[in-house]
Protein backbone atom coordinates (compact mmCIF):
# COMPACT_ATOMS: atom_id res chain seq x y z
CA UNK A 1 31.29 -51.56 97.53
CA UNK A 2 34.17 -52.99 96.79
CA UNK A 3 35.78 -49.59 95.59
CA UNK A 4 34.43 -47.77 98.32
CA UNK A 5 36.69 -50.13 100.52
CA UNK A 6 39.85 -50.16 98.64
CA UNK A 7 39.80 -46.65 98.38
CA UNK A 8 40.16 -46.55 102.23
CA UNK A 9 42.76 -48.86 102.07
CA UNK A 10 44.51 -46.66 99.86
CA UNK A 11 43.70 -43.88 101.75
CA UNK A 12 44.94 -45.86 104.96
CA UNK A 13 48.21 -47.40 103.82
CA UNK A 14 49.21 -45.28 100.97
CA UNK A 15 50.24 -41.34 101.14
CA UNK A 16 48.64 -41.10 97.56
CA UNK A 17 46.36 -38.30 99.45
CA UNK A 18 49.59 -36.61 100.35
CA UNK A 19 51.33 -37.00 96.69
CA UNK A 20 48.02 -35.29 95.14
CA UNK A 21 47.89 -32.69 97.94
CA UNK A 22 51.97 -31.93 97.82
CA UNK A 23 51.57 -31.24 93.91
CA UNK A 24 48.56 -29.10 94.83
CA UNK A 25 50.26 -26.66 97.62
CA UNK A 26 52.54 -24.32 96.78
CA UNK A 27 55.08 -24.74 99.45
CA UNK A 28 57.05 -21.27 98.45
CA UNK A 29 54.01 -18.80 98.95
CA UNK A 30 52.53 -20.99 101.18
CA UNK A 31 48.95 -20.87 99.11
CA UNK A 32 46.70 -22.78 97.45
CA UNK A 33 45.79 -22.51 94.14
CA UNK A 34 41.84 -21.58 94.64
CA UNK A 35 42.32 -19.39 98.14
CA UNK A 36 42.12 -15.91 96.32
CA UNK A 37 39.48 -17.06 94.13
CA UNK A 38 37.83 -18.51 96.80
CA UNK A 39 37.99 -14.81 98.74
CA UNK A 40 36.80 -13.21 95.88
CA UNK A 41 34.73 -15.63 93.75
CA UNK A 42 33.56 -18.17 96.49
CA UNK A 43 30.15 -16.53 96.84
CA UNK A 44 29.05 -17.76 93.13
CA UNK A 45 31.56 -20.56 92.90
CA UNK A 46 30.71 -21.59 96.78
CA UNK A 47 27.94 -20.61 98.11
CA UNK A 48 26.32 -19.92 94.59
CA UNK A 49 26.08 -23.33 93.81
CA UNK A 50 24.60 -24.60 97.09
CA UNK A 51 22.17 -22.48 96.44
CA UNK A 52 21.16 -23.58 92.86
CA UNK A 53 21.22 -27.38 94.58
CA UNK A 54 18.39 -26.29 96.87
CA UNK A 55 16.94 -24.41 94.24
CA UNK A 56 16.83 -27.44 92.28
CA UNK A 57 16.05 -29.59 95.14
CA UNK A 58 12.87 -27.27 95.81
CA UNK A 59 11.37 -27.69 92.16
CA UNK A 60 11.73 -31.10 92.24
CA UNK A 61 9.55 -30.70 95.63
CA UNK A 62 7.17 -28.44 93.96
CA UNK A 63 6.78 -31.06 90.91
CA UNK A 64 5.90 -33.90 93.47
CA UNK A 65 3.26 -31.90 95.06
CA UNK A 66 1.27 -31.18 91.54
CA UNK A 67 1.76 -34.61 90.54
CA UNK A 68 -1.49 -35.07 93.57
CA UNK A 69 -2.81 -32.48 91.02
CA UNK A 70 -5.66 -33.79 88.68
CA UNK A 71 -4.15 -30.59 86.08
CA UNK A 72 -0.89 -32.25 86.35
CA UNK A 73 -1.85 -35.39 86.10
CA UNK A 74 0.95 -36.11 83.42
CA UNK A 75 3.04 -35.81 86.22
CA UNK A 76 2.04 -38.52 88.34
CA UNK A 77 4.43 -41.17 85.97
CA UNK A 78 7.32 -39.14 87.14
CA UNK A 79 6.31 -39.39 91.21
CA UNK A 80 8.70 -41.97 91.74
CA UNK A 81 11.75 -40.41 90.23
CA UNK A 82 10.89 -37.00 92.02
CA UNK A 83 10.74 -38.35 95.59
CA UNK A 84 13.66 -40.99 94.69
CA UNK A 85 15.88 -37.46 93.92
CA UNK A 86 15.12 -35.28 96.45
CA UNK A 87 15.87 -37.86 99.03
CA UNK A 88 19.50 -38.57 98.02
CA UNK A 89 20.01 -34.48 97.55
CA UNK A 90 18.85 -34.76 101.37
CA UNK A 91 20.12 -37.49 102.81
CA UNK A 92 23.84 -37.35 100.89
CA UNK A 93 25.11 -34.39 102.15
CA UNK A 94 23.54 -35.46 105.80
CA UNK A 95 25.15 -38.22 105.81
CA UNK A 96 28.29 -37.12 104.91
CA UNK A 97 27.53 -34.21 107.95
CA UNK A 98 27.41 -36.90 109.81
CA UNK A 99 30.18 -38.66 108.95
CA UNK A 100 32.63 -35.65 109.80
CA UNK A 101 31.43 -36.00 113.05
CA UNK A 102 32.26 -39.52 113.88
CA UNK A 103 35.85 -39.62 111.64
CA UNK A 104 37.43 -36.75 113.36
CA UNK A 105 40.02 -36.25 110.61
CA UNK A 106 41.57 -32.72 109.87
CA UNK A 107 41.46 -30.70 106.63
CA UNK A 108 44.62 -30.24 104.74
CA UNK A 109 45.26 -27.02 105.01
CA UNK A 110 44.83 -27.36 108.98
CA UNK A 111 47.89 -30.05 109.25
CA UNK A 112 51.22 -28.82 109.81
CA UNK A 113 52.97 -30.05 106.79
CA UNK A 114 50.60 -27.03 104.94
CA UNK A 115 51.22 -24.54 107.32
CA UNK A 116 48.42 -25.71 109.91
CA UNK A 117 49.07 -26.23 113.38
CA UNK A 118 47.79 -30.37 113.17
CA UNK A 119 49.16 -33.58 113.23
CA UNK A 120 48.21 -35.79 109.93
CA UNK A 121 46.40 -38.34 110.63
CA UNK A 122 45.08 -41.20 108.07
CA UNK A 123 41.36 -41.93 108.75
CA UNK A 124 41.57 -45.62 110.99
CA UNK A 125 44.77 -44.17 112.73
CA UNK A 126 44.73 -42.40 116.62
CA UNK A 127 46.43 -39.18 117.23
CA UNK A 128 49.59 -39.05 118.37
CA UNK A 129 49.65 -39.71 122.24
CA UNK A 130 51.03 -36.10 122.90
CA UNK A 131 48.06 -34.66 121.17
CA UNK A 132 45.95 -32.49 122.83
CA UNK A 133 42.60 -32.06 120.54
CA UNK A 134 40.59 -29.23 122.08
CA UNK A 135 38.30 -29.16 118.43
CA UNK A 136 37.43 -32.02 116.72
CA UNK A 137 38.66 -32.51 112.71
CA UNK A 138 35.68 -32.32 110.81
CA UNK A 139 37.08 -33.10 106.85
CA UNK A 140 36.01 -36.68 106.31
CA UNK A 141 34.49 -37.70 104.13
CA UNK A 142 33.51 -34.03 101.36
CA UNK A 143 30.62 -33.01 102.92
CA UNK A 144 30.55 -30.19 99.71
CA UNK A 145 31.22 -32.42 96.81
CA UNK A 146 28.18 -34.12 98.40
CA UNK A 147 25.27 -32.11 97.57
CA UNK A 148 26.78 -32.48 94.00
CA UNK A 149 27.70 -36.26 94.30
CA UNK A 150 23.62 -36.57 95.57
CA UNK A 151 22.70 -35.81 91.22
CA UNK A 152 24.15 -39.68 90.44
CA UNK A 153 20.45 -39.98 91.26
CA UNK A 154 19.63 -38.48 88.02
CA UNK A 155 21.06 -41.51 86.36
CA UNK A 156 18.64 -43.89 88.06
CA UNK A 157 15.17 -42.26 86.89
CA UNK A 158 15.45 -43.61 83.52
CA UNK A 159 15.91 -47.12 81.84
CA UNK A 160 17.11 -45.56 78.24
CA UNK A 161 20.82 -45.67 78.02
CA UNK A 162 21.33 -42.03 76.17
CA UNK A 163 19.48 -40.05 78.88
CA UNK A 164 21.47 -41.97 81.70
CA UNK A 165 24.03 -41.20 79.97
CA UNK A 166 23.23 -37.42 79.61
CA UNK A 167 21.19 -37.09 82.71
CA UNK A 168 24.07 -38.75 85.40
CA UNK A 169 27.12 -37.40 83.59
CA UNK A 170 25.29 -33.89 84.61
CA UNK A 171 25.43 -34.71 87.59
CA UNK A 172 28.63 -36.59 88.05
CA UNK A 173 30.49 -33.22 86.60
CA UNK A 174 28.65 -30.92 89.18
CA UNK A 175 29.78 -33.49 91.84
CA UNK A 176 33.03 -32.91 90.46
CA UNK A 177 33.34 -29.45 89.87
CA UNK A 178 32.32 -29.53 93.69
CA UNK A 179 35.04 -32.23 94.73
CA UNK A 180 37.73 -30.51 92.37
CA UNK A 181 37.35 -27.05 93.79
CA UNK A 182 37.51 -27.72 97.85
CA UNK A 183 40.65 -29.59 96.99
CA UNK A 184 42.11 -27.14 95.71
CA UNK A 185 40.76 -24.93 98.13
CA UNK A 186 42.76 -27.23 100.58
CA UNK A 187 39.83 -28.00 102.42
CA UNK A 188 40.23 -31.73 101.55
CA UNK A 189 42.13 -34.83 100.16
CA UNK A 190 41.20 -36.50 97.10
CA UNK A 191 40.49 -39.66 98.90
CA UNK A 192 37.55 -37.78 100.67
CA UNK A 193 36.28 -36.96 97.60
CA UNK A 194 36.29 -40.61 96.59
CA UNK A 195 34.99 -41.84 99.77
CA UNK A 196 32.18 -39.23 98.90
CA UNK A 197 31.31 -40.22 95.40
CA UNK A 198 31.24 -44.12 95.96
CA UNK A 199 29.18 -43.10 98.38
CA UNK A 200 26.76 -41.50 97.15
CA UNK A 201 26.45 -43.66 94.31
CA UNK A 202 26.25 -46.66 96.67
CA UNK A 203 23.27 -45.21 98.48
CA UNK A 204 21.35 -44.28 95.25
CA UNK A 205 22.20 -48.10 93.74
CA UNK A 206 20.69 -49.72 97.16
CA UNK A 207 17.97 -46.24 97.34
CA UNK A 208 16.52 -47.31 93.39
CA UNK A 209 16.38 -50.69 94.70
CA UNK A 210 14.26 -50.38 97.20
CA UNK A 211 11.64 -48.62 95.84
CA UNK A 212 11.01 -49.94 91.44
CA UNK A 213 9.30 -48.06 90.01
CA UNK A 214 6.79 -49.01 87.43
CA UNK A 215 6.56 -46.11 85.42
CA UNK A 216 6.46 -45.29 81.89
CA UNK A 217 7.84 -42.03 80.21
CA UNK A 218 10.93 -40.53 79.11
CA UNK A 219 12.47 -40.15 83.06
CA UNK A 220 11.54 -43.66 83.47
CA UNK A 221 10.16 -46.49 81.81
CA UNK A 222 10.63 -50.53 81.88
CA UNK A 223 12.22 -51.74 78.58
CA UNK A 224 11.00 -55.27 77.08
């Protein structure tokens, strides 16, 4: 929570977001590094990874349902883990989407500084009185990356440190890939992505605290 608030303050009272985005954007060509890449391979690097996450969620749902069958009794010990990861994968992107509806912040590629038509306004600042807004901004927080950072929930399904680092690291890597991909396309600032990763982490800490587990096994067990 402290890091979450600190990041918001950095976004609001410094120009760190613009500093990073200025470094990423090519002012001479007027293009973002992955602009052309996305036009050719977005079906894989953007849409494909979203489809993969959806498939993973469906797999977990199937395993959760099978855990109620006597022939798959060994899955019962993982039932809580399945449920919490599914909840995270559903609610983290949903909460990010809801946040976009409220914050009204434009993406980097939309602002005048980077060839767009909209003014740059920080998350907690008002738009200039002279600006007549026809369409609300939907750039904050980072919704696409939220789907990946929701996999931080995998860190909490085990009490074994090595498994935590392996699963949590895998989830973090997916989220970082999705977040950096959007930054390099001019879709989000780095602050948007940091808010998302910290928000997803905070959500999962609370989620697994609210549903403490008693399972034993490789995915989750209590240590002495």
